[in-house]
Amino acid sequence: MTHSRLTASLPTGLMHQLRHLAADHGTSIGLIARAFIARGIERADDPDVIATITEEVSREKIRKGAIGRKAMANRYAERLNTKEPS
């Protein structure tokens, strides 16, 4: 079996939980994450899994929206600060 790499940003609390699980099982965070991903894919049609995916998509949209609004506010503030007075 060949393997590919995956990089994902995780909330600090979730990363903390993965570290503890890995320590409890004497293995790596990556192996624990891989086990959860495999189990989630096996149950991809389960309503609870679908609900979890939907929640994550919603949280990500909210997070990205906040980042976009902050970036636009910063750009607008920069434009106001760089305009020469009339």
Protein backbone atom coordinates (compact mmCIF):
# COMPACT_ATOMS: atom_id res chain seq x y z
CA MET A 1 0.00 0.00 0.00
CA THR A 2 1.34 3.44 -0.90
CA HIS A 3 0.78 6.47 1.28
CA SER A 4 0.21 10.14 0.60
CA ARG A 5 0.66 13.03 3.00
CA LEU A 6 -2.13 15.24 4.30
CA THR A 7 -1.72 18.51 6.14
CA ALA A 8 -4.65 19.92 8.09
CA SER A 9 -5.08 22.74 10.56
CA LEU A 10 -6.70 21.55 13.77
CA PRO A 11 -8.09 23.51 16.69
CA THR A 12 -5.77 23.44 19.69
CA GLY A 13 -8.24 21.45 21.78
CA LEU A 14 -8.55 18.74 19.16
CA MET A 15 -4.77 18.51 18.80
CA HIS A 16 -4.50 18.18 22.59
CA GLN A 17 -6.99 15.29 22.52
CA LEU A 18 -5.05 13.57 19.73
CA ARG A 19 -1.80 13.90 21.70
CA HIS A 20 -3.41 12.30 24.73
CA LEU A 21 -4.89 9.45 22.69
CA ALA A 22 -1.55 8.84 21.02
CA ALA A 23 0.21 8.78 24.39
CA ASP A 24 -2.44 6.44 25.85
CA HIS A 25 -1.95 4.03 22.95
CA GLY A 26 1.83 4.39 22.71
CA THR A 27 1.75 5.58 19.12
CA SER A 28 1.91 8.73 17.00
CA ILE A 29 -0.68 11.43 16.50
CA GLY A 30 -0.62 10.66 12.77
CA LEU A 31 -1.57 7.03 13.33
CA ILE A 32 -4.45 8.00 15.62
CA ALA A 33 -5.67 10.56 13.06
CA ARG A 34 -5.39 7.98 10.27
CA ALA A 35 -7.50 5.52 12.30
CA PHE A 36 -10.20 8.15 12.85
CA ILE A 37 -10.19 9.16 9.19
CA ALA A 38 -10.51 5.53 8.09
CA ARG A 39 -13.37 4.95 10.53
CA GLY A 40 -15.11 8.14 9.43
CA ILE A 41 -14.85 7.19 5.76
CA GLU A 42 -16.30 3.75 6.54
CA ARG A 43 -19.30 5.50 8.07
CA ALA A 44 -19.58 8.40 5.60
CA ASP A 45 -23.31 7.77 5.07
CA ASP A 46 -24.08 7.76 8.79
CA PRO A 47 -26.28 10.75 9.74
CA ASP A 48 -23.99 11.60 12.68
CA VAL A 49 -20.94 11.72 10.40
CA ILE A 50 -22.85 13.82 7.86
CA ALA A 51 -23.92 16.20 10.66
CA THR A 52 -20.31 16.49 11.86
CA ILE A 53 -19.11 17.28 8.33
CA THR A 54 -21.87 19.87 7.91
CA GLU A 55 -20.90 21.51 11.22
CA GLU A 56 -17.22 21.65 10.23
CA VAL A 57 -18.07 23.19 6.84
CA SER A 58 -20.21 25.80 8.57
CA ARG A 59 -17.50 26.63 11.13
CA GLU A 60 -14.91 26.97 8.37
CA LYS A 61 -17.13 29.35 6.39
CA ILE A 62 -17.61 31.47 9.49
CA ARG A 63 -13.87 31.43 10.22
CA LYS A 64 -12.92 32.37 6.65
CA GLY A 65 -15.58 35.07 6.56
CA ALA A 66 -14.15 36.64 9.71
CA ILE A 67 -10.65 36.52 8.21
CA GLY A 68 -11.92 38.15 5.01
CA ARG A 69 -13.75 40.89 6.90
CA LYS A 70 -10.64 41.62 8.97
CA ALA A 71 -8.46 41.76 5.85
CA MET A 72 -10.87 44.15 4.13
CA ALA A 73 -11.05 46.36 7.23
CA ASN A 74 -7.24 46.48 7.36
CA ARG A 75 -7.05 47.35 3.65
CA TYR A 76 -9.64 50.07 4.06
CA ALA A 77 -7.78 51.50 7.07
CA GLU A 78 -4.51 51.47 5.09
CA ARG A 79 -6.16 53.32 2.19
CA LEU A 80 -7.47 55.97 4.58
CA ASN A 81 -4.01 56.38 6.13
CA THR A 82 -2.18 56.65 2.78
CA LYS A 83 -4.50 59.16 1.09
CA GLU A 84 -3.08 62.63 0.90
CA PRO A 85 -5.26 65.36 2.41
CA SER A 86 -7.02 67.61 -0.10
